[in-house]
Amino acid sequence: MKIKPTSDFVFLSIEEKKDKGGIIAPDITKGNQPIGVVEAVGPDVRVIKIGDRVIFNAFILKEMIVENNKVHILKEKDIFGCLK
């Protein structure tokens, strides 16, 4: 990705799972907590790092298309935790 977030913004990609029928859908469409992978962080992000797998407030998530890539944007405070 050739875009760097500003402030305390975090850019995520959402992990998607394939169901038994071969349909790929983010967990949020199934009522499950989605998991994101951190792709980029702004200069004011203190705890979250690139590559972290995180759970977050899916209702705050903003989705954008940048350079033909889907980017999910939220603030660090909207991330609940990192998965180990």
PDB file of N, CA and C in Angstrom:
ATOM      1  N   MET A   1       0.861  -1.176   0.000  1.00  0.00           N
ATOM      2  CA  MET A   1       0.000   0.000   0.000  1.00  0.00           C
ATOM      3  C   MET A   1       0.903   1.233   0.000  1.00  0.00           C
ATOM      4  N   LYS A   2       0.570   2.205  -0.812  1.00  0.00           N
ATOM      5  CA  LYS A   2       1.405   3.393  -0.952  1.00  0.00           C
ATOM      6  C   LYS A   2       0.799   4.609  -0.271  1.00  0.00           C
ATOM      7  N   ILE A   3       0.018   4.379   0.764  1.00  0.00           N
ATOM      8  CA  ILE A   3      -0.596   5.485   1.483  1.00  0.00           C
ATOM      9  C   ILE A   3      -0.295   5.312   2.963  1.00  0.00           C
ATOM     10  N   LYS A   4       0.060   6.405   3.617  1.00  0.00           N
ATOM     11  CA  LYS A   4       0.396   6.364   5.042  1.00  0.00           C
ATOM     12  C   LYS A   4      -0.680   7.111   5.809  1.00  0.00           C
ATOM     13  N   PRO A   5      -1.245   6.479   6.842  1.00  0.00           N
ATOM     14  CA  PRO A   5      -2.256   7.163   7.649  1.00  0.00           C
ATOM     15  C   PRO A   5      -1.647   8.331   8.420  1.00  0.00           C
ATOM     16  N   THR A   6      -2.471   9.286   8.745  1.00  0.00           N
ATOM     17  CA  THR A   6      -2.056  10.405   9.582  1.00  0.00           C
ATOM     18  C   THR A   6      -2.583  10.190  10.996  1.00  0.00           C
ATOM     19  N   SER A   7      -2.079  10.991  11.925  1.00  0.00           N
ATOM     20  CA  SER A   7      -2.591  11.025  13.295  1.00  0.00           C
ATOM     21  C   SER A   7      -2.596   9.627  13.912  1.00  0.00           C
ATOM     22  N   ASP A   8      -3.726   9.237  14.515  1.00  0.00           N
ATOM     23  CA  ASP A   8      -3.817   7.925  15.171  1.00  0.00           C
ATOM     24  C   ASP A   8      -4.703   6.962  14.381  1.00  0.00           C
ATOM     25  N   PHE A   9      -4.717   7.131  13.060  1.00  0.00           N
ATOM     26  CA  PHE A   9      -5.498   6.232  12.214  1.00  0.00           C
ATOM     27  C   PHE A   9      -4.731   4.944  11.939  1.00  0.00           C
ATOM     28  N   VAL A  10      -5.489   3.855  11.794  1.00  0.00           N
ATOM     29  CA  VAL A  10      -4.943   2.535  11.498  1.00  0.00           C
ATOM     30  C   VAL A  10      -5.656   2.010  10.253  1.00  0.00           C
ATOM     31  N   PHE A  11      -4.900   1.471   9.303  1.00  0.00           N
ATOM     32  CA  PHE A  11      -5.469   0.847   8.112  1.00  0.00           C
ATOM     33  C   PHE A  11      -5.406  -0.660   8.285  1.00  0.00           C
ATOM     34  N   LEU A  12      -6.534  -1.326   8.025  1.00  0.00           N
ATOM     35  CA  LEU A  12      -6.641  -2.774   8.199  1.00  0.00           C
ATOM     36  C   LEU A  12      -7.060  -3.454   6.908  1.00  0.00           C
ATOM     37  N   SER A  13      -6.696  -4.716   6.801  1.00  0.00           N
ATOM     38  CA  SER A  13      -7.364  -5.613   5.856  1.00  0.00           C
ATOM     39  C   SER A  13      -8.162  -6.575   6.726  1.00  0.00           C
ATOM     40  N   ILE A  14      -9.308  -7.001   6.252  1.00  0.00           N
ATOM     41  CA  ILE A  14     -10.189  -7.871   7.025  1.00  0.00           C
ATOM     42  C   ILE A  14      -9.967  -9.316   6.595  1.00  0.00           C
ATOM     43  N   GLU A  15      -9.742 -10.196   7.589  1.00  0.00           N
ATOM     44  CA  GLU A  15      -9.612 -11.619   7.285  1.00  0.00           C
ATOM     45  C   GLU A  15     -10.969 -12.138   6.836  1.00  0.00           C
ATOM     46  N   GLU A  16     -10.970 -12.845   5.727  1.00  0.00           N
ATOM     47  CA  GLU A  16     -12.209 -13.414   5.211  1.00  0.00           C
ATOM     48  C   GLU A  16     -12.096 -14.925   5.228  1.00  0.00           C
ATOM     49  N   LYS A  17     -13.210 -15.584   5.496  1.00  0.00           N
ATOM     50  CA  LYS A  17     -13.228 -17.047   5.551  1.00  0.00           C
ATOM     51  C   LYS A  17     -14.173 -17.576   4.487  1.00  0.00           C
ATOM     52  N   LYS A  18     -13.824 -18.713   3.931  1.00  0.00           N
ATOM     53  CA  LYS A  18     -14.654 -19.361   2.919  1.00  0.00           C
ATOM     54  C   LYS A  18     -15.566 -20.366   3.623  1.00  0.00           C
ATOM     55  N   ASP A  19     -16.870 -20.292   3.340  1.00  0.00           N
ATOM     56  CA  ASP A  19     -17.789 -21.257   3.958  1.00  0.00           C
ATOM     57  C   ASP A  19     -17.817 -22.556   3.151  1.00  0.00           C
ATOM     58  N   LYS A  20     -18.596 -23.511   3.614  1.00  0.00           N
ATOM     59  CA  LYS A  20     -18.643 -24.833   2.979  1.00  0.00           C
ATOM     60  C   LYS A  20     -19.078 -24.764   1.524  1.00  0.00           C
ATOM     61  N   GLY A  21     -19.874 -23.774   1.181  1.00  0.00           N
ATOM     62  CA  GLY A  21     -20.339 -23.614  -0.192  1.00  0.00           C
ATOM     63  C   GLY A  21     -19.361 -22.871  -1.083  1.00  0.00           C
ATOM     64  N   GLY A  22     -18.221 -22.454  -0.528  1.00  0.00           N
ATOM     65  CA  GLY A  22     -17.208 -21.751  -1.296  1.00  0.00           C
ATOM     66  C   GLY A  22     -17.386 -20.252  -1.338  1.00  0.00           C
ATOM     67  N   ILE A  23     -18.369 -19.734  -0.602  1.00  0.00           N
ATOM     68  CA  ILE A  23     -18.609 -18.291  -0.580  1.00  0.00           C
ATOM     69  C   ILE A  23     -17.662 -17.648   0.421  1.00  0.00           C
ATOM     70  N   ILE A  24     -16.991 -16.587  -0.020  1.00  0.00           N
ATOM     71  CA  ILE A  24     -16.078 -15.860   0.858  1.00  0.00           C
ATOM     72  C   ILE A  24     -16.805 -14.640   1.391  1.00  0.00           C
ATOM     73  N   ALA A  25     -16.784 -14.476   2.722  1.00  0.00           N
ATOM     74  CA  ALA A  25     -17.453 -13.329   3.341  1.00  0.00           C
ATOM     75  C   ALA A  25     -16.754 -12.986   4.641  1.00  0.00           C
ATOM     76  N   PRO A  26     -16.653 -11.690   4.969  1.00  0.00           N
ATOM     77  CA  PRO A  26     -16.090 -11.318   6.262  1.00  0.00           C
ATOM     78  C   PRO A  26     -16.964 -11.867   7.388  1.00  0.00           C
ATOM     79  N   ASP A  27     -16.348 -12.129   8.536  1.00  0.00           N
ATOM     80  CA  ASP A  27     -17.080 -12.680   9.680  1.00  0.00           C
ATOM     81  C   ASP A  27     -18.252 -11.819  10.106  1.00  0.00           C
ATOM     82  N   ILE A  28     -18.181 -10.508   9.902  1.00  0.00           N
ATOM     83  CA  ILE A  28     -19.249  -9.620  10.383  1.00  0.00           C
ATOM     84  C   ILE A  28     -20.584  -9.963   9.717  1.00  0.00           C
ATOM     85  N   THR A  29     -20.547 -10.487   8.490  1.00  0.00           N
ATOM     86  CA  THR A  29     -21.799 -10.839   7.816  1.00  0.00           C
ATOM     87  C   THR A  29     -22.438 -12.072   8.430  1.00  0.00           C
ATOM     88  N   LYS A  30     -21.676 -12.830   9.207  1.00  0.00           N
ATOM     89  CA  LYS A  30     -22.175 -14.039   9.857  1.00  0.00           C
ATOM     90  C   LYS A  30     -22.484 -13.802  11.327  1.00  0.00           C
ATOM     91  N   GLY A  31     -22.348 -12.579  11.796  1.00  0.00           N
ATOM     92  CA  GLY A  31     -22.610 -12.270  13.192  1.00  0.00           C
ATOM     93  C   GLY A  31     -21.415 -12.501  14.097  1.00  0.00           C
ATOM     94  N   ASN A  32     -20.264 -12.856  13.538  1.00  0.00           N
ATOM     95  CA  ASN A  32     -19.056 -13.083  14.331  1.00  0.00           C
ATOM     96  C   ASN A  32     -18.216 -11.815  14.399  1.00  0.00           C
ATOM     97  N   GLN A  33     -17.362 -11.744  15.405  1.00  0.00           N
ATOM     98  CA  GLN A  33     -16.433 -10.617  15.523  1.00  0.00           C
ATOM     99  C   GLN A  33     -15.393 -10.724  14.410  1.00  0.00           C
ATOM    100  N   PRO A  34     -15.289  -9.727  13.538  1.00  0.00           N
ATOM    101  CA  PRO A  34     -14.277  -9.785  12.485  1.00  0.00           C
ATOM    102  C   PRO A  34     -12.874  -9.593  13.052  1.00  0.00           C
ATOM    103  N   ILE A  35     -11.904 -10.110  12.331  1.00  0.00           N
ATOM    104  CA  ILE A  35     -10.495  -9.960  12.688  1.00  0.00           C
ATOM    105  C   ILE A  35      -9.826  -9.188  11.565  1.00  0.00           C
ATOM    106  N   GLY A  36      -9.014  -8.200  11.932  1.00  0.00           N
ATOM    107  CA  GLY A  36      -8.297  -7.420  10.941  1.00  0.00           C
ATOM    108  C   GLY A  36      -6.802  -7.594  11.086  1.00  0.00           C
ATOM    109  N   VAL A  37      -6.091  -7.375   9.996  1.00  0.00           N
ATOM    110  CA  VAL A  37      -4.635  -7.383  10.003  1.00  0.00           C
ATOM    111  C   VAL A  37      -4.185  -5.958   9.719  1.00  0.00           C
ATOM    112  N   VAL A  38      -3.348  -5.415  10.586  1.00  0.00           N
ATOM    113  CA  VAL A  38      -2.896  -4.029  10.464  1.00  0.00           C
ATOM    114  C   VAL A  38      -1.940  -3.915   9.279  1.00  0.00           C
ATOM    115  N   GLU A  39      -2.286  -3.033   8.352  1.00  0.00           N
ATOM    116  CA  GLU A  39      -1.480  -2.802   7.150  1.00  0.00           C
ATOM    117  C   GLU A  39      -0.606  -1.555   7.271  1.00  0.00           C
ATOM    118  N   ALA A  40      -1.089  -0.541   7.992  1.00  0.00           N
ATOM    119  CA  ALA A  40      -0.342   0.709   8.148  1.00  0.00           C
ATOM    120  C   ALA A  40      -0.856   1.435   9.382  1.00  0.00           C
ATOM    121  N   VAL A  41       0.022   2.214  10.015  1.00  0.00           N
ATOM    122  CA  VAL A  41      -0.356   2.985  11.205  1.00  0.00           C
ATOM    123  C   VAL A  41       0.143   4.419  11.075  1.00  0.00           C
ATOM    124  N   GLY A  42      -0.618   5.345  11.644  1.00  0.00           N
ATOM    125  CA  GLY A  42      -0.221   6.742  11.661  1.00  0.00           C
ATOM    126  C   GLY A  42       0.861   6.999  12.702  1.00  0.00           C
ATOM    127  N   PRO A  43       1.479   8.176  12.667  1.00  0.00           N
ATOM    128  CA  PRO A  43       2.589   8.489  13.566  1.00  0.00           C
ATOM    129  C   PRO A  43       2.203   8.584  15.041  1.00  0.00           C
ATOM    130  N   ASP A  44       0.935   8.789  15.347  1.00  0.00           N
ATOM    131  CA  ASP A  44       0.506   8.907  16.743  1.00  0.00           C
ATOM    132  C   ASP A  44      -0.010   7.597  17.331  1.00  0.00           C
ATOM    133  N   VAL A  45       0.039   6.508  16.564  1.00  0.00           N
ATOM    134  CA  VAL A  45      -0.384   5.197  17.076  1.00  0.00           C
ATOM    135  C   VAL A  45       0.718   4.687  17.998  1.00  0.00           C
ATOM    136  N   ARG A  46       0.319   4.319  19.232  1.00  0.00           N
ATOM    137  CA  ARG A  46       1.318   3.977  20.246  1.00  0.00           C
ATOM    138  C   ARG A  46       1.479   2.482  20.490  1.00  0.00           C
ATOM    139  N   VAL A  47       0.420   1.703  20.388  1.00  0.00           N
ATOM    140  CA  VAL A  47       0.478   0.299  20.800  1.00  0.00           C
ATOM    141  C   VAL A  47       0.421  -0.668  19.616  1.00  0.00           C
ATOM    142  N   ILE A  48      -0.425  -0.393  18.664  1.00  0.00           N
ATOM    143  CA  ILE A  48      -0.671  -1.292  17.534  1.00  0.00           C
ATOM    144  C   ILE A  48       0.469  -1.183  16.522  1.00  0.00           C
ATOM    145  N   LYS A  49       0.861  -2.354  15.953  1.00  0.00           N
ATOM    146  CA  LYS A  49       1.955  -2.379  14.988  1.00  0.00           C
ATOM    147  C   LYS A  49       1.517  -3.072  13.693  1.00  0.00           C
ATOM    148  N   ILE A  50       2.199  -2.761  12.614  1.00  0.00           N
ATOM    149  CA  ILE A  50       1.928  -3.397  11.331  1.00  0.00           C
ATOM    150  C   ILE A  50       2.074  -4.908  11.489  1.00  0.00           C
ATOM    151  N   GLY A  51       1.101  -5.636  10.945  1.00  0.00           N
ATOM    152  CA  GLY A  51       1.110  -7.095  11.018  1.00  0.00           C
ATOM    153  C   GLY A  51       0.307  -7.666  12.168  1.00  0.00           C
ATOM    154  N   ASP A  52      -0.072  -6.834  13.151  1.00  0.00           N
ATOM    155  CA  ASP A  52      -0.888  -7.312  14.274  1.00  0.00           C
ATOM    156  C   ASP A  52      -2.246  -7.784  13.770  1.00  0.00           C
ATOM    157  N   ARG A  53      -2.748  -8.875  14.358  1.00  0.00           N
ATOM    158  CA  ARG A  53      -4.128  -9.333  14.122  1.00  0.00           C
ATOM    159  C   ARG A  53      -4.958  -8.765  15.262  1.00  0.00           C
ATOM    160  N   VAL A  54      -6.001  -8.005  14.935  1.00  0.00           N
ATOM    161  CA  VAL A  54      -6.744  -7.265  15.953  1.00  0.00           C
ATOM    162  C   VAL A  54      -8.247  -7.510  15.855  1.00  0.00           C
ATOM    163  N   ILE A  55      -8.918  -7.313  17.007  1.00  0.00           N
ATOM    164  CA  ILE A  55     -10.378  -7.235  17.025  1.00  0.00           C
ATOM    165  C   ILE A  55     -10.725  -5.776  17.276  1.00  0.00           C
ATOM    166  N   PHE A  56     -11.850  -5.336  16.737  1.00  0.00           N
ATOM    167  CA  PHE A  56     -12.136  -3.905  16.702  1.00  0.00           C
ATOM    168  C   PHE A  56     -13.631  -3.657  16.667  1.00  0.00           C
ATOM    169  N   ASN A  57     -14.003  -2.395  16.828  1.00  0.00           N
ATOM    170  CA  ASN A  57     -15.396  -1.977  16.745  1.00  0.00           C
ATOM    171  C   ASN A  57     -15.791  -1.904  15.268  1.00  0.00           C
ATOM    172  N   ALA A  58     -16.466  -2.930  14.788  1.00  0.00           N
ATOM    173  CA  ALA A  58     -16.808  -3.022  13.367  1.00  0.00           C
ATOM    174  C   ALA A  58     -17.795  -1.946  12.921  1.00  0.00           C
ATOM    175  N   PHE A  59     -18.534  -1.357  13.859  1.00  0.00           N
ATOM    176  CA  PHE A  59     -19.523  -0.340  13.494  1.00  0.00           C
ATOM    177  C   PHE A  59     -18.881   1.023  13.237  1.00  0.00           C
ATOM    178  N   ILE A  60     -17.648   1.204  13.666  1.00  0.00           N
ATOM    179  CA  ILE A  60     -16.914   2.455  13.457  1.00  0.00           C
ATOM    180  C   ILE A  60     -16.088   2.390  12.174  1.00  0.00           C
ATOM    181  N   LEU A  61     -15.812   1.196  11.707  1.00  0.00           N
ATOM    182  CA  LEU A  61     -14.933   0.959  10.569  1.00  0.00           C
ATOM    183  C   LEU A  61     -15.412   1.709   9.323  1.00  0.00           C
ATOM    184  N   LYS A  62     -14.486   2.383   8.651  1.00  0.00           N
ATOM    185  CA  LYS A  62     -14.766   3.095   7.398  1.00  0.00           C
ATOM    186  C   LYS A  62     -14.060   2.348   6.275  1.00  0.00           C
ATOM    187  N   GLU A  63     -14.781   2.032   5.212  1.00  0.00           N
ATOM    188  CA  GLU A  63     -14.194   1.315   4.084  1.00  0.00           C
ATOM    189  C   GLU A  63     -14.017   2.267   2.911  1.00  0.00           C
ATOM    190  N   MET A  64     -12.829   2.211   2.290  1.00  0.00           N
ATOM    191  CA  MET A  64     -12.535   3.046   1.128  1.00  0.00           C
ATOM    192  C   MET A  64     -11.805   2.205   0.083  1.00  0.00           C
ATOM    193  N   ILE A  65     -11.847   2.655  -1.161  1.00  0.00           N
ATOM    194  CA  ILE A  65     -11.060   2.040  -2.228  1.00  0.00           C
ATOM    195  C   ILE A  65      -9.935   3.012  -2.572  1.00  0.00           C
ATOM    196  N   VAL A  66      -8.683   2.552  -2.421  1.00  0.00           N
ATOM    197  CA  VAL A  66      -7.513   3.370  -2.719  1.00  0.00           C
ATOM    198  C   VAL A  66      -6.625   2.570  -3.669  1.00  0.00           C
ATOM    199  N   GLU A  67      -6.325   3.127  -4.826  1.00  0.00           N
ATOM    200  CA  GLU A  67      -5.493   2.466  -5.831  1.00  0.00           C
ATOM    201  C   GLU A  67      -5.991   1.045  -6.110  1.00  0.00           C
ATOM    202  N   ASN A  68      -7.296   0.907  -6.257  1.00  0.00           N
ATOM    203  CA  ASN A  68      -7.953  -0.377  -6.542  1.00  0.00           C
ATOM    204  C   ASN A  68      -7.824  -1.399  -5.417  1.00  0.00           C
ATOM    205  N   ASN A  69      -7.469  -0.958  -4.216  1.00  0.00           N
ATOM    206  CA  ASN A  69      -7.404  -1.835  -3.047  1.00  0.00           C
ATOM    207  C   ASN A  69      -8.424  -1.382  -2.019  1.00  0.00           C
ATOM    208  N   LYS A  70      -9.096  -2.344  -1.404  1.00  0.00           N
ATOM    209  CA  LYS A  70     -10.044  -2.026  -0.340  1.00  0.00           C
ATOM    210  C   LYS A  70      -9.254  -1.755   0.941  1.00  0.00           C
ATOM    211  N   VAL A  71      -9.487  -0.593   1.550  1.00  0.00           N
ATOM    212  CA  VAL A  71      -8.802  -0.195   2.780  1.00  0.00           C
ATOM    213  C   VAL A  71      -9.851   0.050   3.856  1.00  0.00           C
ATOM    214  N   HIS A  72      -9.626  -0.498   5.038  1.00  0.00           N
ATOM    215  CA  HIS A  72     -10.518  -0.283   6.174  1.00  0.00           C
ATOM    216  C   HIS A  72      -9.784   0.613   7.163  1.00  0.00           C
ATOM    217  N   ILE A  73     -10.449   1.674   7.591  1.00  0.00           N
ATOM    218  CA  ILE A  73      -9.805   2.706   8.398  1.00  0.00           C
ATOM    219  C   ILE A  73     -10.551   2.879   9.710  1.00  0.00           C
ATOM    220  N   LEU A  74      -9.783   2.973  10.795  1.00  0.00           N
ATOM    221  CA  LEU A  74     -10.349   3.338  12.092  1.00  0.00           C
ATOM    222  C   LEU A  74      -9.254   3.952  12.947  1.00  0.00           C
ATOM    223  N   LYS A  75      -9.640   4.456  14.100  1.00  0.00           N
ATOM    224  CA  LYS A  75      -8.673   5.038  15.027  1.00  0.00           C
ATOM    225  C   LYS A  75      -8.188   3.965  15.996  1.00  0.00           C
ATOM    226  N   GLU A  76      -6.994   4.160  16.520  1.00  0.00           N
ATOM    227  CA  GLU A  76      -6.409   3.182  17.446  1.00  0.00           C
ATOM    228  C   GLU A  76      -7.332   2.898  18.623  1.00  0.00           C
ATOM    229  N   LYS A  77      -8.039   3.906  19.114  1.00  0.00           N
ATOM    230  CA  LYS A  77      -8.914   3.728  20.280  1.00  0.00           C
ATOM    231  C   LYS A  77     -10.078   2.785  20.000  1.00  0.00           C
ATOM    232  N   ASP A  78     -10.389   2.529  18.721  1.00  0.00           N
ATOM    233  CA  ASP A  78     -11.489   1.640  18.355  1.00  0.00           C
ATOM    234  C   ASP A  78     -11.046   0.186  18.198  1.00  0.00           C
ATOM    235  N   ILE A  79      -9.771  -0.087  18.486  1.00  0.00           N
ATOM    236  CA  ILE A  79      -9.256  -1.457  18.489  1.00  0.00           C
ATOM    237  C   ILE A  79      -9.314  -1.968  19.919  1.00  0.00           C
ATOM    238  N   PHE A  80      -9.966  -3.126  20.098  1.00  0.00           N
ATOM    239  CA  PHE A  80     -10.151  -3.693  21.437  1.00  0.00           C
ATOM    240  C   PHE A  80      -8.929  -4.462  21.916  1.00  0.00           C
ATOM    241  N   GLY A  81      -8.205  -5.105  21.010  1.00  0.00           N
ATOM    242  CA  GLY A  81      -7.051  -5.889  21.429  1.00  0.00           C
ATOM    243  C   GLY A  81      -6.397  -6.606  20.269  1.00  0.00           C
ATOM    244  N   CYS A  82      -5.197  -7.148  20.557  1.00  0.00           N
ATOM    245  CA  CYS A  82      -4.423  -7.918  19.583  1.00  0.00           C
ATOM    246  C   CYS A  82      -4.553  -9.401  19.901  1.00  0.00           C
ATOM    247  N   LEU A  83      -4.645 -10.206  18.865  1.00  0.00           N
ATOM    248  CA  LEU A  83      -4.673 -11.659  19.030  1.00  0.00           C
ATOM    249  C   LEU A  83      -3.245 -12.181  19.008  1.00  0.00           C
ATOM    250  N   LYS A  84      -2.953 -13.091  19.878  1.00  0.00           N
ATOM    251  CA  LYS A  84      -1.596 -13.670  19.953  1.00  0.00           C
ATOM    252  C   LYS A  84      -1.540 -14.958  19.181  1.00  0.00           C
TER     253      LYS A  84
END
